[in-house]
Amino acid sequence: MQKFTFKILWLENNVAIAIDHVIGKQYSPLTSYFFWPRNDAWEQLKVELESKPWISGNDRILILNQATEIINFWQEAGKDKSLLQAQAKFPSFIFTGSS
């Protein structure tokens, strides 16, 4: 069972990433939104995850790797890809946005 999920704001000039902790069928916010490229979302997410010692190292690595995939996808194709295309690429994540 998946312990964490991503909430993604897919915007024209930014992508924002937040993490929710999945408990049963409920979602509990774990982080606030971190914006790329406005800020270094990956580094901010890393610091936030490291401040939660109950998250295993393996889970932190998995979350950060997935964040990298999202940021890279947006950076390489975000302005040319629609929200629907992003949802198709990452079907297990929760998306909202304007593009």
PDB file of N, CA and C in Angstrom:
ATOM      1  N   MET A   1       0.837  -1.190   0.000  1.00  0.00           N
ATOM      2  CA  MET A   1       0.000   0.000   0.000  1.00  0.00           C
ATOM      3  C   MET A   1       0.880   1.252   0.000  1.00  0.00           C
ATOM      4  N   GLN A   2       0.484   2.212  -0.763  1.00  0.00           N
ATOM      5  CA  GLN A   2       1.230   3.462  -0.887  1.00  0.00           C
ATOM      6  C   GLN A   2       1.063   4.285   0.392  1.00  0.00           C
ATOM      7  N   LYS A   3       2.182   4.761   0.949  1.00  0.00           N
ATOM      8  CA  LYS A   3       2.153   5.530   2.186  1.00  0.00           C
ATOM      9  C   LYS A   3       2.076   7.034   1.952  1.00  0.00           C
ATOM     10  N   PHE A   4       2.506   7.465   0.761  1.00  0.00           N
ATOM     11  CA  PHE A   4       2.574   8.891   0.466  1.00  0.00           C
ATOM     12  C   PHE A   4       2.038   9.131  -0.942  1.00  0.00           C
ATOM     13  N   THR A   5       1.491  10.320  -1.166  1.00  0.00           N
ATOM     14  CA  THR A   5       1.084  10.709  -2.510  1.00  0.00           C
ATOM     15  C   THR A   5       1.456  12.169  -2.739  1.00  0.00           C
ATOM     16  N   PHE A   6       1.555  12.517  -3.990  1.00  0.00           N
ATOM     17  CA  PHE A   6       1.900  13.880  -4.381  1.00  0.00           C
ATOM     18  C   PHE A   6       0.644  14.645  -4.734  1.00  0.00           C
ATOM     19  N   LYS A   7       0.622  15.911  -4.362  1.00  0.00           N
ATOM     20  CA  LYS A   7      -0.365  16.863  -4.869  1.00  0.00           C
ATOM     21  C   LYS A   7       0.432  17.842  -5.717  1.00  0.00           C
ATOM     22  N   ILE A   8       0.018  18.012  -6.958  1.00  0.00           N
ATOM     23  CA  ILE A   8       0.752  18.820  -7.926  1.00  0.00           C
ATOM     24  C   ILE A   8      -0.125  19.954  -8.433  1.00  0.00           C
ATOM     25  N   LEU A   9       0.417  21.179  -8.366  1.00  0.00           N
ATOM     26  CA  LEU A   9      -0.201  22.325  -9.045  1.00  0.00           C
ATOM     27  C   LEU A   9       0.562  22.503 -10.348  1.00  0.00           C
ATOM     28  N   TRP A  10      -0.090  22.252 -11.464  1.00  0.00           N
ATOM     29  CA  TRP A  10       0.527  22.318 -12.787  1.00  0.00           C
ATOM     30  C   TRP A  10       0.166  23.655 -13.399  1.00  0.00           C
ATOM     31  N   LEU A  11       1.098  24.599 -13.356  1.00  0.00           N
ATOM     32  CA  LEU A  11       0.839  25.961 -13.803  1.00  0.00           C
ATOM     33  C   LEU A  11       1.716  26.303 -15.000  1.00  0.00           C
ATOM     34  N   GLU A  12       1.384  27.375 -15.670  1.00  0.00           N
ATOM     35  CA  GLU A  12       2.136  27.767 -16.867  1.00  0.00           C
ATOM     36  C   GLU A  12       3.589  28.111 -16.555  1.00  0.00           C
ATOM     37  N   ASN A  13       3.821  28.837 -15.467  1.00  0.00           N
ATOM     38  CA  ASN A  13       5.173  29.293 -15.157  1.00  0.00           C
ATOM     39  C   ASN A  13       5.822  28.605 -13.962  1.00  0.00           C
ATOM     40  N   ASN A  14       5.102  27.716 -13.308  1.00  0.00           N
ATOM     41  CA  ASN A  14       5.611  27.011 -12.132  1.00  0.00           C
ATOM     42  C   ASN A  14       4.967  25.640 -12.045  1.00  0.00           C
ATOM     43  N   VAL A  15       5.628  24.775 -11.314  1.00  0.00           N
ATOM     44  CA  VAL A  15       5.006  23.548 -10.858  1.00  0.00           C
ATOM     45  C   VAL A  15       5.219  23.525  -9.350  1.00  0.00           C
ATOM     46  N   ALA A  16       4.185  23.156  -8.609  1.00  0.00           N
ATOM     47  CA  ALA A  16       4.284  23.109  -7.158  1.00  0.00           C
ATOM     48  C   ALA A  16       4.013  21.687  -6.694  1.00  0.00           C
ATOM     49  N   ILE A  17       4.791  21.263  -5.710  1.00  0.00           N
ATOM     50  CA  ILE A  17       4.722  19.892  -5.214  1.00  0.00           C
ATOM     51  C   ILE A  17       4.449  19.918  -3.717  1.00  0.00           C
ATOM     52  N   ALA A  18       3.468  19.141  -3.288  1.00  0.00           N
ATOM     53  CA  ALA A  18       3.204  18.913  -1.866  1.00  0.00           C
ATOM     54  C   ALA A  18       3.051  17.405  -1.671  1.00  0.00           C
ATOM     55  N   ILE A  19       3.327  16.949  -0.476  1.00  0.00           N
ATOM     56  CA  ILE A  19       3.221  15.527  -0.160  1.00  0.00           C
ATOM     57  C   ILE A  19       2.142  15.334   0.896  1.00  0.00           C
ATOM     58  N   ASP A  20       1.305  14.327   0.687  1.00  0.00           N
ATOM     59  CA  ASP A  20       0.328  13.907   1.686  1.00  0.00           C
ATOM     60  C   ASP A  20       0.712  12.526   2.199  1.00  0.00           C
ATOM     61  N   HIS A  21       0.462  12.302   3.480  1.00  0.00           N
ATOM     62  CA  HIS A  21       0.634  10.984   4.076  1.00  0.00           C
ATOM     63  C   HIS A  21      -0.685  10.249   3.906  1.00  0.00           C
ATOM     64  N   VAL A  22      -0.639   9.042   3.371  1.00  0.00           N
ATOM     65  CA  VAL A  22      -1.842   8.253   3.143  1.00  0.00           C
ATOM     66  C   VAL A  22      -2.009   7.289   4.315  1.00  0.00           C
ATOM     67  N   ILE A  23      -3.140   7.434   5.005  1.00  0.00           N
ATOM     68  CA  ILE A  23      -3.456   6.577   6.145  1.00  0.00           C
ATOM     69  C   ILE A  23      -4.795   5.922   5.843  1.00  0.00           C
ATOM     70  N   GLY A  24      -4.737   4.637   5.482  1.00  0.00           N
ATOM     71  CA  GLY A  24      -5.956   3.964   5.029  1.00  0.00           C
ATOM     72  C   GLY A  24      -6.428   4.609   3.750  1.00  0.00           C
ATOM     73  N   LYS A  25      -7.648   5.138   3.772  1.00  0.00           N
ATOM     74  CA  LYS A  25      -8.184   5.843   2.605  1.00  0.00           C
ATOM     75  C   LYS A  25      -8.192   7.350   2.820  1.00  0.00           C
ATOM     76  N   GLN A  26      -7.558   7.802   3.889  1.00  0.00           N
ATOM     77  CA  GLN A  26      -7.516   9.213   4.233  1.00  0.00           C
ATOM     78  C   GLN A  26      -6.168   9.826   3.846  1.00  0.00           C
ATOM     79  N   TYR A  27      -6.180  11.117   3.540  1.00  0.00           N
ATOM     80  CA  TYR A  27      -4.973  11.861   3.206  1.00  0.00           C
ATOM     81  C   TYR A  27      -4.729  12.906   4.284  1.00  0.00           C
ATOM     82  N   SER A  28      -3.509  12.949   4.772  1.00  0.00           N
ATOM     83  CA  SER A  28      -3.117  13.934   5.767  1.00  0.00           C
ATOM     84  C   SER A  28      -1.959  14.755   5.200  1.00  0.00           C
ATOM     85  N   PRO A  29      -2.095  16.091   5.121  1.00  0.00           N
ATOM     86  CA  PRO A  29      -1.001  16.895   4.567  1.00  0.00           C
ATOM     87  C   PRO A  29       0.293  16.693   5.350  1.00  0.00           C
ATOM     88  N   LEU A  30       1.360  16.416   4.617  1.00  0.00           N
ATOM     89  CA  LEU A  30       2.671  16.219   5.229  1.00  0.00           C
ATOM     90  C   LEU A  30       3.551  17.451   5.028  1.00  0.00           C
ATOM     91  N   THR A  31       3.407  18.095   3.853  1.00  0.00           N
ATOM     92  CA  THR A  31       4.199  19.291   3.555  1.00  0.00           C
ATOM     93  C   THR A  31       3.293  20.361   2.949  1.00  0.00           C
ATOM     94  N   SER A  32       3.795  21.572   2.944  1.00  0.00           N
ATOM     95  CA  SER A  32       3.156  22.638   2.183  1.00  0.00           C
ATOM     96  C   SER A  32       3.603  22.489   0.724  1.00  0.00           C
ATOM     97  N   TYR A  33       3.114  23.367  -0.139  1.00  0.00           N
ATOM     98  CA  TYR A  33       3.537  23.338  -1.539  1.00  0.00           C
ATOM     99  C   TYR A  33       4.904  24.000  -1.687  1.00  0.00           C
ATOM    100  N   PHE A  34       5.757  23.359  -2.480  1.00  0.00           N
ATOM    101  CA  PHE A  34       7.063  23.909  -2.826  1.00  0.00           C
ATOM    102  C   PHE A  34       7.065  24.156  -4.331  1.00  0.00           C
ATOM    103  N   PHE A  35       7.431  25.384  -4.734  1.00  0.00           N
ATOM    104  CA  PHE A  35       7.324  25.809  -6.132  1.00  0.00           C
ATOM    105  C   PHE A  35       8.664  25.730  -6.856  1.00  0.00           C
ATOM    106  N   TRP A  36       8.612  25.227  -8.085  1.00  0.00           N
ATOM    107  CA  TRP A  36       9.752  25.192  -8.994  1.00  0.00           C
ATOM    108  C   TRP A  36       9.345  25.957 -10.239  1.00  0.00           C
ATOM    109  N   PRO A  37      10.114  26.803 -10.850  1.00  0.00           N
ATOM    110  CA  PRO A  37      11.478  27.195 -10.504  1.00  0.00           C
ATOM    111  C   PRO A  37      11.552  28.417  -9.593  1.00  0.00           C
ATOM    112  N   ARG A  38      10.402  28.898  -9.119  1.00  0.00           N
ATOM    113  CA  ARG A  38      10.412  30.075  -8.249  1.00  0.00           C
ATOM    114  C   ARG A  38      11.379  29.879  -7.074  1.00  0.00           C
ATOM    115  N   ASN A  39      11.375  28.687  -6.485  1.00  0.00           N
ATOM    116  CA  ASN A  39      12.289  28.310  -5.411  1.00  0.00           C
ATOM    117  C   ASN A  39      12.887  26.956  -5.764  1.00  0.00           C
ATOM    118  N   ASP A  40      13.840  26.505  -4.982  1.00  0.00           N
ATOM    119  CA  ASP A  40      14.406  25.178  -5.197  1.00  0.00           C
ATOM    120  C   ASP A  40      13.522  24.163  -4.480  1.00  0.00           C
ATOM    121  N   ALA A  41      12.435  23.796  -5.146  1.00  0.00           N
ATOM    122  CA  ALA A  41      11.437  22.916  -4.542  1.00  0.00           C
ATOM    123  C   ALA A  41      12.044  21.598  -4.079  1.00  0.00           C
ATOM    124  N   TRP A  42      12.960  21.046  -4.848  1.00  0.00           N
ATOM    125  CA  TRP A  42      13.562  19.757  -4.490  1.00  0.00           C
ATOM    126  C   TRP A  42      14.322  19.878  -3.173  1.00  0.00           C
ATOM    127  N   GLU A  43      15.135  20.906  -3.043  1.00  0.00           N
ATOM    128  CA  GLU A  43      15.930  21.099  -1.812  1.00  0.00           C
ATOM    129  C   GLU A  43      15.018  21.379  -0.619  1.00  0.00           C
ATOM    130  N   GLN A  44      13.990  22.189  -0.820  1.00  0.00           N
ATOM    131  CA  GLN A  44      13.050  22.476   0.263  1.00  0.00           C
ATOM    132  C   GLN A  44      12.327  21.205   0.707  1.00  0.00           C
ATOM    133  N   LEU A  45      11.937  20.375  -0.255  1.00  0.00           N
ATOM    134  CA  LEU A  45      11.280  19.112   0.057  1.00  0.00           C
ATOM    135  C   LEU A  45      12.229  18.188   0.826  1.00  0.00           C
ATOM    136  N   LYS A  46      13.478  18.125   0.409  1.00  0.00           N
ATOM    137  CA  LYS A  46      14.479  17.290   1.080  1.00  0.00           C
ATOM    138  C   LYS A  46      14.629  17.704   2.538  1.00  0.00           C
ATOM    139  N   VAL A  47      14.767  19.002   2.795  1.00  0.00           N
ATOM    140  CA  VAL A  47      14.906  19.500   4.168  1.00  0.00           C
ATOM    141  C   VAL A  47      13.665  19.170   4.988  1.00  0.00           C
ATOM    142  N   GLU A  48      12.503  19.362   4.403  1.00  0.00           N
ATOM    143  CA  GLU A  48      11.247  19.064   5.100  1.00  0.00           C
ATOM    144  C   GLU A  48      11.151  17.583   5.457  1.00  0.00           C
ATOM    145  N   LEU A  49      11.488  16.708   4.530  1.00  0.00           N
ATOM    146  CA  LEU A  49      11.427  15.262   4.804  1.00  0.00           C
ATOM    147  C   LEU A  49      12.443  14.855   5.870  1.00  0.00           C
ATOM    148  N   GLU A  50      13.624  15.450   5.826  1.00  0.00           N
ATOM    149  CA  GLU A  50      14.647  15.127   6.822  1.00  0.00           C
ATOM    150  C   GLU A  50      14.245  15.582   8.217  1.00  0.00           C
ATOM    151  N   SER A  51      13.342  16.544   8.319  1.00  0.00           N
ATOM    152  CA  SER A  51      12.886  17.015   9.631  1.00  0.00           C
ATOM    153  C   SER A  51      11.852  16.077  10.256  1.00  0.00           C
ATOM    154  N   LYS A  52      11.467  15.043   9.523  1.00  0.00           N
ATOM    155  CA  LYS A  52      10.478  14.076   9.999  1.00  0.00           C
ATOM    156  C   LYS A  52      11.176  12.711  10.144  1.00  0.00           C
ATOM    157  N   PRO A  53      11.772  12.454  11.320  1.00  0.00           N
ATOM    158  CA  PRO A  53      12.592  11.247  11.488  1.00  0.00           C
ATOM    159  C   PRO A  53      11.819   9.930  11.349  1.00  0.00           C
ATOM    160  N   TRP A  54      10.511   9.985  11.418  1.00  0.00           N
ATOM    161  CA  TRP A  54       9.722   8.765  11.282  1.00  0.00           C
ATOM    162  C   TRP A  54       9.586   8.310   9.826  1.00  0.00           C
ATOM    163  N   ILE A  55       9.987   9.152   8.877  1.00  0.00           N
ATOM    164  CA  ILE A  55       9.979   8.754   7.469  1.00  0.00           C
ATOM    165  C   ILE A  55      11.299   8.025   7.194  1.00  0.00           C
ATOM    166  N   SER A  56      11.208   6.818   6.688  1.00  0.00           N
ATOM    167  CA  SER A  56      12.418   6.028   6.454  1.00  0.00           C
ATOM    168  C   SER A  56      13.275   6.647   5.348  1.00  0.00           C
ATOM    169  N   GLY A  57      14.554   6.324   5.380  1.00  0.00           N
ATOM    170  CA  GLY A  57      15.465   6.798   4.339  1.00  0.00           C
ATOM    171  C   GLY A  57      15.034   6.341   2.963  1.00  0.00           C
ATOM    172  N   ASN A  58      14.553   5.105   2.869  1.00  0.00           N
ATOM    173  CA  ASN A  58      14.090   4.586   1.574  1.00  0.00           C
ATOM    174  C   ASN A  58      12.887   5.373   1.063  1.00  0.00           C
ATOM    175  N   ASP A  59      11.952   5.707   1.964  1.00  0.00           N
ATOM    176  CA  ASP A  59      10.788   6.492   1.551  1.00  0.00           C
ATOM    177  C   ASP A  59      11.207   7.890   1.115  1.00  0.00           C
ATOM    178  N   ARG A  60      12.156   8.505   1.835  1.00  0.00           N
ATOM    179  CA  ARG A  60      12.646   9.836   1.442  1.00  0.00           C
ATOM    180  C   ARG A  60      13.251   9.792   0.043  1.00  0.00           C
ATOM    181  N   ILE A  61      14.071   8.779  -0.215  1.00  0.00           N
ATOM    182  CA  ILE A  61      14.693   8.645  -1.533  1.00  0.00           C
ATOM    183  C   ILE A  61      13.629   8.477  -2.616  1.00  0.00           C
ATOM    184  N   LEU A  62      12.650   7.628  -2.355  1.00  0.00           N
ATOM    185  CA  LEU A  62      11.579   7.404  -3.325  1.00  0.00           C
ATOM    186  C   LEU A  62      10.819   8.697  -3.614  1.00  0.00           C
ATOM    187  N   ILE A  63      10.464   9.432  -2.563  1.00  0.00           N
ATOM    188  CA  ILE A  63       9.732  10.695  -2.733  1.00  0.00           C
ATOM    189  C   ILE A  63      10.566  11.701  -3.525  1.00  0.00           C
ATOM    190  N   LEU A  64      11.842  11.836  -3.171  1.00  0.00           N
ATOM    191  CA  LEU A  64      12.701  12.802  -3.863  1.00  0.00           C
ATOM    192  C   LEU A  64      12.933  12.414  -5.319  1.00  0.00           C
ATOM    193  N   ASN A  65      13.050  11.114  -5.585  1.00  0.00           N
ATOM    194  CA  ASN A  65      13.200  10.664  -6.978  1.00  0.00           C
ATOM    195  C   ASN A  65      11.946  10.986  -7.786  1.00  0.00           C
ATOM    196  N   GLN A  66      10.780  10.776  -7.185  1.00  0.00           N
ATOM    197  CA  GLN A  66       9.539  11.095  -7.889  1.00  0.00           C
ATOM    198  C   GLN A  66       9.409  12.609  -8.093  1.00  0.00           C
ATOM    199  N   ALA A  67       9.824  13.394  -7.106  1.00  0.00           N
ATOM    200  CA  ALA A  67       9.802  14.851  -7.258  1.00  0.00           C
ATOM    201  C   ALA A  67      10.705  15.276  -8.414  1.00  0.00           C
ATOM    202  N   THR A  68      11.863  14.631  -8.526  1.00  0.00           N
ATOM    203  CA  THR A  68      12.781  14.920  -9.633  1.00  0.00           C
ATOM    204  C   THR A  68      12.111  14.626 -10.970  1.00  0.00           C
ATOM    205  N   GLU A  69      11.414  13.490 -11.059  1.00  0.00           N
ATOM    206  CA  GLU A  69      10.716  13.144 -12.306  1.00  0.00           C
ATOM    207  C   GLU A  69       9.681  14.195 -12.671  1.00  0.00           C
ATOM    208  N   ILE A  70       8.917  14.655 -11.694  1.00  0.00           N
ATOM    209  CA  ILE A  70       7.882  15.657 -11.946  1.00  0.00           C
ATOM    210  C   ILE A  70       8.514  16.972 -12.402  1.00  0.00           C
ATOM    211  N   ILE A  71       9.534  17.418 -11.678  1.00  0.00           N
ATOM    212  CA  ILE A  71      10.198  18.682 -12.026  1.00  0.00           C
ATOM    213  C   ILE A  71      10.807  18.591 -13.423  1.00  0.00           C
ATOM    214  N   ASN A  72      11.485  17.487 -13.717  1.00  0.00           N
ATOM    215  CA  ASN A  72      12.095  17.319 -15.036  1.00  0.00           C
ATOM    216  C   ASN A  72      11.044  17.301 -16.137  1.00  0.00           C
ATOM    217  N   PHE A  73       9.933  16.601 -15.914  1.00  0.00           N
ATOM    218  CA  PHE A  73       8.870  16.535 -16.909  1.00  0.00           C
ATOM    219  C   PHE A  73       8.311  17.936 -17.162  1.00  0.00           C
ATOM    220  N   TRP A  74       8.055  18.698 -16.099  1.00  0.00           N
ATOM    221  CA  TRP A  74       7.537  20.053 -16.265  1.00  0.00           C
ATOM    222  C   TRP A  74       8.572  20.933 -16.962  1.00  0.00           C
ATOM    223  N   GLN A  75       9.823  20.824 -16.533  1.00  0.00           N
ATOM    224  CA  GLN A  75      10.885  21.668 -17.089  1.00  0.00           C
ATOM    225  C   GLN A  75      11.104  21.383 -18.568  1.00  0.00           C
ATOM    226  N   GLU A  76      11.067  20.118 -18.944  1.00  0.00           N
ATOM    227  CA  GLU A  76      11.328  19.743 -20.330  1.00  0.00           C
ATOM    228  C   GLU A  76      10.110  19.965 -21.218  1.00  0.00           C
ATOM    229  N   ALA A  77       8.909  19.843 -20.638  1.00  0.00           N
ATOM    230  CA  ALA A  77       7.736  19.847 -21.497  1.00  0.00           C
ATOM    231  C   ALA A  77       6.558  20.626 -20.938  1.00  0.00           C
ATOM    232  N   GLY A  78       6.725  21.209 -19.761  1.00  0.00           N
ATOM    233  CA  GLY A  78       5.596  21.828 -19.073  1.00  0.00           C
ATOM    234  C   GLY A  78       4.827  22.839 -19.884  1.00  0.00           C
ATOM    235  N   LYS A  79       5.527  23.679 -20.595  1.00  0.00           N
ATOM    236  CA  LYS A  79       4.831  24.701 -21.360  1.00  0.00           C
ATOM    237  C   LYS A  79       4.136  24.119 -22.590  1.00  0.00           C
ATOM    238  N   ASP A  80       4.568  22.937 -22.999  1.00  0.00           N
ATOM    239  CA  ASP A  80       3.971  22.302 -24.168  1.00  0.00           C
ATOM    240  C   ASP A  80       3.016  21.166 -23.795  1.00  0.00           C
ATOM    241  N   LYS A  81       3.017  20.789 -22.538  1.00  0.00           N
ATOM    242  CA  LYS A  81       2.174  19.672 -22.104  1.00  0.00           C
ATOM    243  C   LYS A  81       0.993  20.200 -21.302  1.00  0.00           C
ATOM    244  N   SER A  82      -0.144  19.603 -21.516  1.00  0.00           N
ATOM    245  CA  SER A  82      -1.339  20.014 -20.794  1.00  0.00           C
ATOM    246  C   SER A  82      -1.398  19.297 -19.443  1.00  0.00           C
ATOM    247  N   LEU A  83      -2.272  19.778 -18.611  1.00  0.00           N
ATOM    248  CA  LEU A  83      -2.529  19.145 -17.324  1.00  0.00           C
ATOM    249  C   LEU A  83      -2.940  17.683 -17.536  1.00  0.00           C
ATOM    250  N   LEU A  84      -3.748  17.431 -18.556  1.00  0.00           N
ATOM    251  CA  LEU A  84      -4.185  16.055 -18.832  1.00  0.00           C
ATOM    252  C   LEU A  84      -3.012  15.156 -19.203  1.00  0.00           C
ATOM    253  N   GLN A  85      -2.058  15.678 -19.942  1.00  0.00           N
ATOM    254  CA  GLN A  85      -0.878  14.881 -20.296  1.00  0.00           C
ATOM    255  C   GLN A  85      -0.028  14.594 -19.063  1.00  0.00           C
ATOM    256  N   ALA A  86       0.074  15.555 -18.156  1.00  0.00           N
ATOM    257  CA  ALA A  86       0.816  15.336 -16.911  1.00  0.00           C
ATOM    258  C   ALA A  86       0.119  14.282 -16.062  1.00  0.00           C
ATOM    259  N   GLN A  87      -1.201  14.335 -16.000  1.00  0.00           N
ATOM    260  CA  GLN A  87      -1.959  13.333 -15.252  1.00  0.00           C
ATOM    261  C   GLN A  87      -1.758  11.942 -15.847  1.00  0.00           C
ATOM    262  N   ALA A  88      -1.688  11.857 -17.161  1.00  0.00           N
ATOM    263  CA  ALA A  88      -1.468  10.565 -17.814  1.00  0.00           C
ATOM    264  C   ALA A  88      -0.076  10.023 -17.494  1.00  0.00           C
ATOM    265  N   LYS A  89       0.909  10.901 -17.400  1.00  0.00           N
ATOM    266  CA  LYS A  89       2.283  10.493 -17.099  1.00  0.00           C
ATOM    267  C   LYS A  89       2.417  10.033 -15.649  1.00  0.00           C
ATOM    268  N   PHE A  90       1.703  10.678 -14.736  1.00  0.00           N
ATOM    269  CA  PHE A  90       1.775  10.372 -13.307  1.00  0.00           C
ATOM    270  C   PHE A  90       0.367  10.090 -12.766  1.00  0.00           C
ATOM    271  N   PRO A  91      -0.222   8.964 -13.132  1.00  0.00           N
ATOM    272  CA  PRO A  91      -1.637   8.717 -12.824  1.00  0.00           C
ATOM    273  C   PRO A  91      -1.961   8.545 -11.335  1.00  0.00           C
ATOM    274  N   SER A  92      -0.975   8.242 -10.511  1.00  0.00           N
ATOM    275  CA  SER A  92      -1.285   8.026  -9.098  1.00  0.00           C
ATOM    276  C   SER A  92      -1.229   9.303  -8.267  1.00  0.00           C
ATOM    277  N   PHE A  93      -0.892  10.443  -8.899  1.00  0.00           N
ATOM    278  CA  PHE A  93      -0.780  11.701  -8.174  1.00  0.00           C
ATOM    279  C   PHE A  93      -2.044  12.539  -8.352  1.00  0.00           C
ATOM    280  N   ILE A  94      -2.230  13.492  -7.457  1.00  0.00           N
ATOM    281  CA  ILE A  94      -3.397  14.380  -7.477  1.00  0.00           C
ATOM    282  C   ILE A  94      -2.969  15.691  -8.136  1.00  0.00           C
ATOM    283  N   PHE A  95      -3.617  16.039  -9.237  1.00  0.00           N
ATOM    284  CA  PHE A  95      -3.253  17.236 -10.006  1.00  0.00           C
ATOM    285  C   PHE A  95      -4.366  18.276  -9.976  1.00  0.00           C
ATOM    286  N   THR A  96      -3.946  19.528  -9.922  1.00  0.00           N
ATOM    287  CA  THR A  96      -4.809  20.661 -10.219  1.00  0.00           C
ATOM    288  C   THR A  96      -3.965  21.646 -10.998  1.00  0.00           C
ATOM    289  N   GLY A  97      -4.599  22.571 -11.679  1.00  0.00           N
ATOM    290  CA  GLY A  97      -3.811  23.536 -12.427  1.00  0.00           C
ATOM    291  C   GLY A  97      -4.616  24.264 -13.466  1.00  0.00           C
ATOM    292  N   SER A  98      -3.899  25.034 -14.265  1.00  0.00           N
ATOM    293  CA  SER A  98      -4.571  25.904 -15.212  1.00  0.00           C
ATOM    294  C   SER A  98      -4.141  25.678 -16.654  1.00  0.00           C
ATOM    295  N   SER A  99      -3.234  24.721 -16.888  1.00  0.00           N
ATOM    296  CA  SER A  99      -2.786  24.560 -18.273  1.00  0.00           C
ATOM    297  C   SER A  99      -3.144  23.202 -18.812  1.00  0.00           C
TER     298      SER A  99
END
